[in-house]
Amino acid sequence: MATVAELKAVLKDTLEKRGVLGHLKARIRAEVFNALDDESEPRPSLSHENFLINELIREYLEFNKYKYTASVLIAEEHLRQEQARGSSAENLHTSPRVKR
């Protein structure tokens, strides 16, 4: 019968081979950075040019198999996009409507 240590080792190896363990570690890192992020300091708005640069960086990372680094970038991008959408939605509700 296998010991608990052997089962842990097999489980860890299996998760590493499938890429799940690295993805989970990257996701946890991203969440830790988000928790530590100073929300009182607003981020600059994401211009179209910066969006394209981010996409080029993401493609570079994925092409070179930097999956975990790319997953952190993607997680931060989604957070930033959600914040931008939230501020845009707030502006829609507070800005006066223009009649045509």
PDB file of N, CA and C in Angstrom:
ATOM      1  N   MET A   1       0.844  -1.178   0.000  1.00  0.00           N
ATOM      2  CA  MET A   1       0.000   0.000   0.000  1.00  0.00           C
ATOM      3  C   MET A   1       0.895   1.249   0.000  1.00  0.00           C
ATOM      4  N   ALA A   2       0.487   2.265  -0.752  1.00  0.00           N
ATOM      5  CA  ALA A   2       1.271   3.495  -0.879  1.00  0.00           C
ATOM      6  C   ALA A   2       1.132   4.352   0.372  1.00  0.00           C
ATOM      7  N   THR A   3       2.205   5.013   0.704  1.00  0.00           N
ATOM      8  CA  THR A   3       2.176   5.908   1.843  1.00  0.00           C
ATOM      9  C   THR A   3       1.601   7.261   1.413  1.00  0.00           C
ATOM     10  N   VAL A   4       1.282   8.075   2.374  1.00  0.00           N
ATOM     11  CA  VAL A   4       0.752   9.414   2.095  1.00  0.00           C
ATOM     12  C   VAL A   4       1.794  10.242   1.350  1.00  0.00           C
ATOM     13  N   ALA A   5       3.044  10.116   1.713  1.00  0.00           N
ATOM     14  CA  ALA A   5       4.110  10.865   1.052  1.00  0.00           C
ATOM     15  C   ALA A   5       4.219  10.464  -0.421  1.00  0.00           C
ATOM     16  N   GLU A   6       4.090   9.162  -0.707  1.00  0.00           N
ATOM     17  CA  GLU A   6       4.141   8.679  -2.088  1.00  0.00           C
ATOM     18  C   GLU A   6       2.950   9.204  -2.895  1.00  0.00           C
ATOM     19  N   LEU A   7       1.783   9.191  -2.290  1.00  0.00           N
ATOM     20  CA  LEU A   7       0.582   9.707  -2.964  1.00  0.00           C
ATOM     21  C   LEU A   7       0.720  11.194  -3.266  1.00  0.00           C
ATOM     22  N   LYS A   8       1.274  11.946  -2.313  1.00  0.00           N
ATOM     23  CA  LYS A   8       1.508  13.377  -2.532  1.00  0.00           C
ATOM     24  C   LYS A   8       2.465  13.599  -3.698  1.00  0.00           C
ATOM     25  N   ALA A   9       3.537  12.808  -3.740  1.00  0.00           N
ATOM     26  CA  ALA A   9       4.536  12.950  -4.799  1.00  0.00           C
ATOM     27  C   ALA A   9       3.929  12.644  -6.170  1.00  0.00           C
ATOM     28  N   VAL A  10       3.135  11.582  -6.253  1.00  0.00           N
ATOM     29  CA  VAL A  10       2.495  11.224  -7.519  1.00  0.00           C
ATOM     30  C   VAL A  10       1.511  12.304  -7.937  1.00  0.00           C
ATOM     31  N   LEU A  11       0.721  12.802  -7.003  1.00  0.00           N
ATOM     32  CA  LEU A  11      -0.248  13.855  -7.297  1.00  0.00           C
ATOM     33  C   LEU A  11       0.460  15.122  -7.776  1.00  0.00           C
ATOM     34  N   LYS A  12       1.544  15.494  -7.098  1.00  0.00           N
ATOM     35  CA  LYS A  12       2.302  16.681  -7.488  1.00  0.00           C
ATOM     36  C   LYS A  12       2.884  16.519  -8.891  1.00  0.00           C
ATOM     37  N   ASP A  13       3.460  15.366  -9.174  1.00  0.00           N
ATOM     38  CA  ASP A  13       4.024  15.111 -10.508  1.00  0.00           C
ATOM     39  C   ASP A  13       2.954  15.166 -11.588  1.00  0.00           C
ATOM     40  N   THR A  14       1.799  14.586 -11.304  1.00  0.00           N
ATOM     41  CA  THR A  14       0.702  14.583 -12.280  1.00  0.00           C
ATOM     42  C   THR A  14       0.219  15.997 -12.562  1.00  0.00           C
ATOM     43  N   LEU A  15       0.035  16.791 -11.511  1.00  0.00           N
ATOM     44  CA  LEU A  15      -0.420  18.173 -11.686  1.00  0.00           C
ATOM     45  C   LEU A  15       0.624  19.014 -12.425  1.00  0.00           C
ATOM     46  N   GLU A  16       1.908  18.763 -12.163  1.00  0.00           N
ATOM     47  CA  GLU A  16       2.964  19.486 -12.873  1.00  0.00           C
ATOM     48  C   GLU A  16       2.974  19.121 -14.353  1.00  0.00           C
ATOM     49  N   LYS A  17       2.844  17.842 -14.664  1.00  0.00           N
ATOM     50  CA  LYS A  17       2.852  17.393 -16.063  1.00  0.00           C
ATOM     51  C   LYS A  17       1.681  17.976 -16.850  1.00  0.00           C
ATOM     52  N   ARG A  18       0.545  18.124 -16.212  1.00  0.00           N
ATOM     53  CA  ARG A  18      -0.642  18.685 -16.874  1.00  0.00           C
ATOM     54  C   ARG A  18      -0.614  20.204 -16.936  1.00  0.00           C
ATOM     55  N   GLY A  19       0.324  20.823 -16.231  1.00  0.00           N
ATOM     56  CA  GLY A  19       0.427  22.279 -16.224  1.00  0.00           C
ATOM     57  C   GLY A  19      -0.501  22.953 -15.232  1.00  0.00           C
ATOM     58  N   VAL A  20      -1.224  22.162 -14.479  1.00  0.00           N
ATOM     59  CA  VAL A  20      -2.201  22.708 -13.536  1.00  0.00           C
ATOM     60  C   VAL A  20      -1.502  23.374 -12.350  1.00  0.00           C
ATOM     61  N   LEU A  21      -0.473  22.745 -11.852  1.00  0.00           N
ATOM     62  CA  LEU A  21       0.209  23.271 -10.665  1.00  0.00           C
ATOM     63  C   LEU A  21       0.836  24.633 -10.941  1.00  0.00           C
ATOM     64  N   GLY A  22       1.497  24.766 -12.080  1.00  0.00           N
ATOM     65  CA  GLY A  22       2.089  26.055 -12.446  1.00  0.00           C
ATOM     66  C   GLY A  22       1.033  27.129 -12.632  1.00  0.00           C
ATOM     67  N   HIS A  23      -0.083  26.742 -13.255  1.00  0.00           N
ATOM     68  CA  HIS A  23      -1.173  27.698 -13.460  1.00  0.00           C
ATOM     69  C   HIS A  23      -1.742  28.158 -12.113  1.00  0.00           C
ATOM     70  N   LEU A  24      -1.923  27.231 -11.202  1.00  0.00           N
ATOM     71  CA  LEU A  24      -2.437  27.591  -9.871  1.00  0.00           C
ATOM     72  C   LEU A  24      -1.471  28.506  -9.127  1.00  0.00           C
ATOM     73  N   LYS A  25      -0.192  28.217  -9.228  1.00  0.00           N
ATOM     74  CA  LYS A  25       0.811  29.074  -8.578  1.00  0.00           C
ATOM     75  C   LYS A  25       0.785  30.485  -9.167  1.00  0.00           C
ATOM     76  N   ALA A  26       0.682  30.573 -10.493  1.00  0.00           N
ATOM     77  CA  ALA A  26       0.631  31.891 -11.138  1.00  0.00           C
ATOM     78  C   ALA A  26      -0.633  32.634 -10.732  1.00  0.00           C
ATOM     79  N   ARG A  27      -1.742  31.934 -10.667  1.00  0.00           N
ATOM     80  CA  ARG A  27      -3.016  32.560 -10.280  1.00  0.00           C
ATOM     81  C   ARG A  27      -2.948  33.066  -8.835  1.00  0.00           C
ATOM     82  N   ILE A  28      -2.360  32.265  -7.956  1.00  0.00           N
ATOM     83  CA  ILE A  28      -2.214  32.685  -6.554  1.00  0.00           C
ATOM     84  C   ILE A  28      -1.317  33.914  -6.471  1.00  0.00           C
ATOM     85  N   ARG A  29      -0.203  33.912  -7.242  1.00  0.00           N
ATOM     86  CA  ARG A  29       0.677  35.085  -7.266  1.00  0.00           C
ATOM     87  C   ARG A  29      -0.079  36.330  -7.711  1.00  0.00           C
ATOM     88  N   ALA A  30      -0.874  36.186  -8.757  1.00  0.00           N
ATOM     89  CA  ALA A  30      -1.640  37.329  -9.268  1.00  0.00           C
ATOM     90  C   ALA A  30      -2.618  37.831  -8.216  1.00  0.00           C
ATOM     91  N   GLU A  31      -3.273  36.931  -7.515  1.00  0.00           N
ATOM     92  CA  GLU A  31      -4.231  37.338  -6.483  1.00  0.00           C
ATOM     93  C   GLU A  31      -3.526  38.002  -5.307  1.00  0.00           C
ATOM     94  N   VAL A  32      -2.346  37.534  -4.956  1.00  0.00           N
ATOM     95  CA  VAL A  32      -1.575  38.169  -3.873  1.00  0.00           C
ATOM     96  C   VAL A  32      -1.194  39.586  -4.279  1.00  0.00           C
ATOM     97  N   PHE A  33      -0.725  39.746  -5.535  1.00  0.00           N
ATOM     98  CA  PHE A  33      -0.373  41.088  -6.016  1.00  0.00           C
ATOM     99  C   PHE A  33      -1.600  41.991  -6.036  1.00  0.00           C
ATOM    100  N   ASN A  34      -2.751  41.460  -6.436  1.00  0.00           N
ATOM    101  CA  ASN A  34      -3.977  42.258  -6.447  1.00  0.00           C
ATOM    102  C   ASN A  34      -4.374  42.677  -5.044  1.00  0.00           C
ATOM    103  N   ALA A  35      -4.190  41.771  -4.079  1.00  0.00           N
ATOM    104  CA  ALA A  35      -4.528  42.098  -2.696  1.00  0.00           C
ATOM    105  C   ALA A  35      -3.599  43.165  -2.134  1.00  0.00           C
ATOM    106  N   LEU A  36      -2.340  43.145  -2.569  1.00  0.00           N
ATOM    107  CA  LEU A  36      -1.364  44.113  -2.073  1.00  0.00           C
ATOM    108  C   LEU A  36      -1.385  45.422  -2.848  1.00  0.00           C
ATOM    109  N   ASP A  37      -2.066  45.420  -3.986  1.00  0.00           N
ATOM    110  CA  ASP A  37      -2.110  46.597  -4.852  1.00  0.00           C
ATOM    111  C   ASP A  37      -2.756  47.769  -4.119  1.00  0.00           C
ATOM    112  N   ASP A  38      -2.124  48.921  -4.213  1.00  0.00           N
ATOM    113  CA  ASP A  38      -2.630  50.132  -3.564  1.00  0.00           C
ATOM    114  C   ASP A  38      -3.741  50.728  -4.429  1.00  0.00           C
ATOM    115  N   GLU A  39      -4.991  50.533  -4.008  1.00  0.00           N
ATOM    116  CA  GLU A  39      -6.126  51.012  -4.795  1.00  0.00           C
ATOM    117  C   GLU A  39      -6.313  52.520  -4.702  1.00  0.00           C
ATOM    118  N   SER A  40      -5.645  53.155  -3.734  1.00  0.00           N
ATOM    119  CA  SER A  40      -5.778  54.610  -3.615  1.00  0.00           C
ATOM    120  C   SER A  40      -5.009  55.315  -4.732  1.00  0.00           C
ATOM    121  N   GLU A  41      -4.067  54.599  -5.341  1.00  0.00           N
ATOM    122  CA  GLU A  41      -3.298  55.165  -6.448  1.00  0.00           C
ATOM    123  C   GLU A  41      -3.916  54.657  -7.756  1.00  0.00           C
ATOM    124  N   PRO A  42      -4.664  55.512  -8.452  1.00  0.00           N
ATOM    125  CA  PRO A  42      -5.353  55.039  -9.653  1.00  0.00           C
ATOM    126  C   PRO A  42      -4.380  54.716 -10.779  1.00  0.00           C
ATOM    127  N   ARG A  43      -4.743  53.714 -11.560  1.00  0.00           N
ATOM    128  CA  ARG A  43      -3.931  53.345 -12.715  1.00  0.00           C
ATOM    129  C   ARG A  43      -4.283  54.255 -13.873  1.00  0.00           C
ATOM    130  N   PRO A  44      -3.325  54.500 -14.739  1.00  0.00           N
ATOM    131  CA  PRO A  44      -3.642  55.319 -15.917  1.00  0.00           C
ATOM    132  C   PRO A  44      -4.614  54.564 -16.815  1.00  0.00           C
ATOM    133  N   SER A  45      -5.364  55.306 -17.596  1.00  0.00           N
ATOM    134  CA  SER A  45      -6.318  54.657 -18.485  1.00  0.00           C
ATOM    135  C   SER A  45      -5.556  53.871 -19.545  1.00  0.00           C
ATOM    136  N   LEU A  46      -6.180  52.804 -20.015  1.00  0.00           N
ATOM    137  CA  LEU A  46      -5.547  51.934 -20.992  1.00  0.00           C
ATOM    138  C   LEU A  46      -5.876  52.442 -22.386  1.00  0.00           C
ATOM    139  N   SER A  47      -4.877  53.044 -23.033  1.00  0.00           N
ATOM    140  CA  SER A  47      -5.083  53.558 -24.380  1.00  0.00           C
ATOM    141  C   SER A  47      -5.082  52.402 -25.375  1.00  0.00           C
ATOM    142  N   HIS A  48      -5.532  52.691 -26.575  1.00  0.00           N
ATOM    143  CA  HIS A  48      -5.552  51.680 -27.632  1.00  0.00           C
ATOM    144  C   HIS A  48      -4.138  51.174 -27.914  1.00  0.00           C
ATOM    145  N   GLU A  49      -3.164  52.081 -27.908  1.00  0.00           N
ATOM    146  CA  GLU A  49      -1.779  51.702 -28.167  1.00  0.00           C
ATOM    147  C   GLU A  49      -1.247  50.775 -27.069  1.00  0.00           C
ATOM    148  N   ASN A  50      -1.555  51.100 -25.818  1.00  0.00           N
ATOM    149  CA  ASN A  50      -1.101  50.254 -24.716  1.00  0.00           C
ATOM    150  C   ASN A  50      -1.783  48.891 -24.749  1.00  0.00           C
ATOM    151  N   PHE A  51      -3.041  48.876 -25.150  1.00  0.00           N
ATOM    152  CA  PHE A  51      -3.750  47.602 -25.297  1.00  0.00           C
ATOM    153  C   PHE A  51      -3.034  46.727 -26.330  1.00  0.00           C
ATOM    154  N   LEU A  52      -2.650  47.318 -27.468  1.00  0.00           N
ATOM    155  CA  LEU A  52      -1.942  46.567 -28.504  1.00  0.00           C
ATOM    156  C   LEU A  52      -0.578  46.078 -28.016  1.00  0.00           C
ATOM    157  N   ILE A  53       0.118  46.919 -27.265  1.00  0.00           N
ATOM    158  CA  ILE A  53       1.417  46.525 -26.705  1.00  0.00           C
ATOM    159  C   ILE A  53       1.237  45.349 -25.754  1.00  0.00           C
ATOM    160  N   ASN A  54       0.224  45.419 -24.898  1.00  0.00           N
ATOM    161  CA  ASN A  54      -0.057  44.316 -23.979  1.00  0.00           C
ATOM    162  C   ASN A  54      -0.337  43.025 -24.748  1.00  0.00           C
ATOM    163  N   GLU A  55      -1.089  43.143 -25.848  1.00  0.00           N
ATOM    164  CA  GLU A  55      -1.395  41.966 -26.651  1.00  0.00           C
ATOM    165  C   GLU A  55      -0.132  41.386 -27.283  1.00  0.00           C
ATOM    166  N   LEU A  56       0.765  42.247 -27.744  1.00  0.00           N
ATOM    167  CA  LEU A  56       2.032  41.770 -28.308  1.00  0.00           C
ATOM    168  C   LEU A  56       2.867  41.051 -27.245  1.00  0.00           C
ATOM    169  N   ILE A  57       2.903  41.614 -26.057  1.00  0.00           N
ATOM    170  CA  ILE A  57       3.648  40.990 -24.963  1.00  0.00           C
ATOM    171  C   ILE A  57       3.031  39.643 -24.621  1.00  0.00           C
ATOM    172  N   ARG A  58       1.703  39.594 -24.553  1.00  0.00           N
ATOM    173  CA  ARG A  58       1.014  38.337 -24.247  1.00  0.00           C
ATOM    174  C   ARG A  58       1.320  37.279 -25.307  1.00  0.00           C
ATOM    175  N   GLU A  59       1.262  37.667 -26.584  1.00  0.00           N
ATOM    176  CA  GLU A  59       1.569  36.725 -27.659  1.00  0.00           C
ATOM    177  C   GLU A  59       3.016  36.237 -27.568  1.00  0.00           C
ATOM    178  N   TYR A  60       3.940  37.145 -27.270  1.00  0.00           N
ATOM    179  CA  TYR A  60       5.346  36.772 -27.111  1.00  0.00           C
ATOM    180  C   TYR A  60       5.496  35.743 -25.991  1.00  0.00           C
ATOM    181  N   LEU A  61       4.858  36.022 -24.848  1.00  0.00           N
ATOM    182  CA  LEU A  61       4.954  35.113 -23.711  1.00  0.00           C
ATOM    183  C   LEU A  61       4.378  33.744 -24.049  1.00  0.00           C
ATOM    184  N   GLU A  62       3.235  33.721 -24.707  1.00  0.00           N
ATOM    185  CA  GLU A  62       2.618  32.447 -25.058  1.00  0.00           C
ATOM    186  C   GLU A  62       3.433  31.707 -26.124  1.00  0.00           C
ATOM    187  N   PHE A  63       3.988  32.433 -27.096  1.00  0.00           N
ATOM    188  CA  PHE A  63       4.806  31.810 -28.136  1.00  0.00           C
ATOM    189  C   PHE A  63       6.026  31.123 -27.538  1.00  0.00           C
ATOM    190  N   ASN A  64       6.635  31.757 -26.532  1.00  0.00           N
ATOM    191  CA  ASN A  64       7.829  31.218 -25.893  1.00  0.00           C
ATOM    192  C   ASN A  64       7.517  30.305 -24.713  1.00  0.00           C
ATOM    193  N   LYS A  65       6.241  29.934 -24.592  1.00  0.00           N
ATOM    194  CA  LYS A  65       5.790  28.985 -23.557  1.00  0.00           C
ATOM    195  C   LYS A  65       5.989  29.499 -22.136  1.00  0.00           C
ATOM    196  N   TYR A  66       5.891  30.842 -21.966  1.00  0.00           N
ATOM    197  CA  TYR A  66       5.903  31.426 -20.625  1.00  0.00           C
ATOM    198  C   TYR A  66       4.454  31.508 -20.134  1.00  0.00           C
ATOM    199  N   LYS A  67       3.836  30.321 -19.999  1.00  0.00           N
ATOM    200  CA  LYS A  67       2.406  30.254 -19.707  1.00  0.00           C
ATOM    201  C   LYS A  67       2.049  30.923 -18.380  1.00  0.00           C
ATOM    202  N   TYR A  68       2.885  30.741 -17.388  1.00  0.00           N
ATOM    203  CA  TYR A  68       2.546  31.250 -16.063  1.00  0.00           C
ATOM    204  C   TYR A  68       2.677  32.764 -16.002  1.00  0.00           C
ATOM    205  N   THR A  69       3.706  33.295 -16.627  1.00  0.00           N
ATOM    206  CA  THR A  69       3.865  34.748 -16.694  1.00  0.00           C
ATOM    207  C   THR A  69       2.720  35.353 -17.493  1.00  0.00           C
ATOM    208  N   ALA A  70       2.364  34.701 -18.590  1.00  0.00           N
ATOM    209  CA  ALA A  70       1.236  35.177 -19.410  1.00  0.00           C
ATOM    210  C   ALA A  70      -0.062  35.147 -18.614  1.00  0.00           C
ATOM    211  N   SER A  71      -0.249  34.126 -17.785  1.00  0.00           N
ATOM    212  CA  SER A  71      -1.494  34.044 -17.013  1.00  0.00           C
ATOM    213  C   SER A  71      -1.594  35.172 -15.993  1.00  0.00           C
ATOM    214  N   VAL A  72      -0.453  35.598 -15.435  1.00  0.00           N
ATOM    215  CA  VAL A  72      -0.464  36.737 -14.505  1.00  0.00           C
ATOM    216  C   VAL A  72      -0.803  38.019 -15.265  1.00  0.00           C
ATOM    217  N   LEU A  73      -0.195  38.198 -16.448  1.00  0.00           N
ATOM    218  CA  LEU A  73      -0.497  39.372 -17.271  1.00  0.00           C
ATOM    219  C   LEU A  73      -1.979  39.408 -17.632  1.00  0.00           C
ATOM    220  N   ILE A  74      -2.513  38.275 -18.041  1.00  0.00           N
ATOM    221  CA  ILE A  74      -3.923  38.196 -18.426  1.00  0.00           C
ATOM    222  C   ILE A  74      -4.824  38.512 -17.228  1.00  0.00           C
ATOM    223  N   ALA A  75      -4.472  37.971 -16.066  1.00  0.00           N
ATOM    224  CA  ALA A  75      -5.280  38.234 -14.863  1.00  0.00           C
ATOM    225  C   ALA A  75      -5.277  39.722 -14.529  1.00  0.00           C
ATOM    226  N   GLU A  76      -4.110  40.362 -14.613  1.00  0.00           N
ATOM    227  CA  GLU A  76      -4.032  41.797 -14.332  1.00  0.00           C
ATOM    228  C   GLU A  76      -4.766  42.608 -15.383  1.00  0.00           C
ATOM    229  N   GLU A  77      -4.692  42.186 -16.650  1.00  0.00           N
ATOM    230  CA  GLU A  77      -5.406  42.891 -17.717  1.00  0.00           C
ATOM    231  C   GLU A  77      -6.907  42.840 -17.499  1.00  0.00           C
ATOM    232  N   HIS A  78      -7.406  41.662 -17.119  1.00  0.00           N
ATOM    233  CA  HIS A  78      -8.852  41.535 -16.891  1.00  0.00           C
ATOM    234  C   HIS A  78      -9.295  42.399 -15.729  1.00  0.00           C
ATOM    235  N   LEU A  79      -8.493  42.439 -14.680  1.00  0.00           N
ATOM    236  CA  LEU A  79      -8.817  43.289 -13.538  1.00  0.00           C
ATOM    237  C   LEU A  79      -8.857  44.743 -13.983  1.00  0.00           C
ATOM    238  N   ARG A  80      -7.879  45.141 -14.778  1.00  0.00           N
ATOM    239  CA  ARG A  80      -7.812  46.523 -15.253  1.00  0.00           C
ATOM    240  C   ARG A  80      -9.003  46.854 -16.160  1.00  0.00           C
ATOM    241  N   GLN A  81      -9.361  45.911 -17.038  1.00  0.00           N
ATOM    242  CA  GLN A  81     -10.494  46.125 -17.940  1.00  0.00           C
ATOM    243  C   GLN A  81     -11.798  46.223 -17.159  1.00  0.00           C
ATOM    244  N   GLU A  82     -11.934  45.383 -16.113  1.00  0.00           N
ATOM    245  CA  GLU A  82     -13.136  45.459 -15.287  1.00  0.00           C
ATOM    246  C   GLU A  82     -13.222  46.793 -14.560  1.00  0.00           C
ATOM    247  N   GLN A  83     -12.067  47.280 -14.072  1.00  0.00           N
ATOM    248  CA  GLN A  83     -12.058  48.579 -13.406  1.00  0.00           C
ATOM    249  C   GLN A  83     -12.417  49.672 -14.396  1.00  0.00           C
ATOM    250  N   ALA A  84     -11.903  49.582 -15.618  1.00  0.00           N
ATOM    251  CA  ALA A  84     -12.211  50.588 -16.642  1.00  0.00           C
ATOM    252  C   ALA A  84     -13.689  50.545 -17.000  1.00  0.00           C
ATOM    253  N   ARG A  85     -14.233  49.339 -17.135  1.00  0.00           N
ATOM    254  CA  ARG A  85     -15.665  49.218 -17.435  1.00  0.00           C
ATOM    255  C   ARG A  85     -16.504  49.798 -16.306  1.00  0.00           C
ATOM    256  N   GLY A  86     -16.064  49.550 -15.069  1.00  0.00           N
ATOM    257  CA  GLY A  86     -16.800  50.073 -13.922  1.00  0.00           C
ATOM    258  C   GLY A  86     -16.808  51.580 -13.903  1.00  0.00           C
ATOM    259  N   SER A  87     -15.661  52.190 -14.186  1.00  0.00           N
ATOM    260  CA  SER A  87     -15.602  53.650 -14.192  1.00  0.00           C
ATOM    261  C   SER A  87     -16.363  54.199 -15.388  1.00  0.00           C
ATOM    262  N   SER A  88     -16.366  53.481 -16.513  1.00  0.00           N
ATOM    263  CA  SER A  88     -17.149  53.917 -17.675  1.00  0.00           C
ATOM    264  C   SER A  88     -18.631  53.832 -17.373  1.00  0.00           C
ATOM    265  N   ALA A  89     -19.022  52.767 -16.687  1.00  0.00           N
ATOM    266  CA  ALA A  89     -20.428  52.616 -16.339  1.00  0.00           C
ATOM    267  C   ALA A  89     -20.862  53.712 -15.376  1.00  0.00           C
ATOM    268  N   GLU A  90     -19.977  54.061 -14.430  1.00  0.00           N
ATOM    269  CA  GLU A  90     -20.300  55.143 -13.509  1.00  0.00           C
ATOM    270  C   GLU A  90     -20.463  56.451 -14.277  1.00  0.00           C
ATOM    271  N   ASN A  91     -19.587  56.689 -15.249  1.00  0.00           N
ATOM    272  CA  ASN A  91     -19.675  57.904 -16.050  1.00  0.00           C
ATOM    273  C   ASN A  91     -20.953  57.937 -16.869  1.00  0.00           C
ATOM    274  N   LEU A  92     -21.396  56.786 -17.335  1.00  0.00           N
ATOM    275  CA  LEU A  92     -22.640  56.745 -18.105  1.00  0.00           C
ATOM    276  C   LEU A  92     -23.831  57.144 -17.242  1.00  0.00           C
ATOM    277  N   HIS A  93     -23.799  56.715 -15.995  1.00  0.00           N
ATOM    278  CA  HIS A  93     -24.918  57.019 -15.100  1.00  0.00           C
ATOM    279  C   HIS A  93     -24.897  58.457 -14.599  1.00  0.00           C
ATOM    280  N   THR A  94     -23.699  59.044 -14.538  1.00  0.00           N
ATOM    281  CA  THR A  94     -23.608  60.401 -13.996  1.00  0.00           C
ATOM    282  C   THR A  94     -23.565  61.480 -15.065  1.00  0.00           C
ATOM    283  N   SER A  95     -23.262  61.087 -16.309  1.00  0.00           N
ATOM    284  CA  SER A  95     -23.165  62.117 -17.356  1.00  0.00           C
ATOM    285  C   SER A  95     -24.537  62.411 -17.929  1.00  0.00           C
ATOM    286  N   PRO A  96     -24.779  63.663 -18.297  1.00  0.00           N
ATOM    287  CA  PRO A  96     -26.078  64.002 -18.859  1.00  0.00           C
ATOM    288  C   PRO A  96     -26.235  63.403 -20.250  1.00  0.00           C
ATOM    289  N   ARG A  97     -27.465  63.050 -20.583  1.00  0.00           N
ATOM    290  CA  ARG A  97     -27.743  62.481 -21.900  1.00  0.00           C
ATOM    291  C   ARG A  97     -27.841  63.569 -22.931  1.00  0.00           C
ATOM    292  N   VAL A  98     -27.365  63.224 -24.109  1.00  0.00           N
ATOM    293  CA  VAL A  98     -27.413  64.171 -25.214  1.00  0.00           C
ATOM    294  C   VAL A  98     -28.552  63.750 -26.130  1.00  0.00           C
ATOM    295  N   LYS A  99     -29.451  64.675 -26.429  1.00  0.00           N
ATOM    296  CA  LYS A  99     -30.560  64.378 -27.328  1.00  0.00           C
ATOM    297  C   LYS A  99     -30.153  64.666 -28.754  1.00  0.00           C
ATOM    298  N   ARG A 100     -30.575  63.818 -29.673  1.00  0.00           N
ATOM    299  CA  ARG A 100     -30.274  64.018 -31.095  1.00  0.00           C
ATOM    300  C   ARG A 100     -31.533  64.294 -31.857  1.00  0.00           C
TER     301      ARG A 100
END
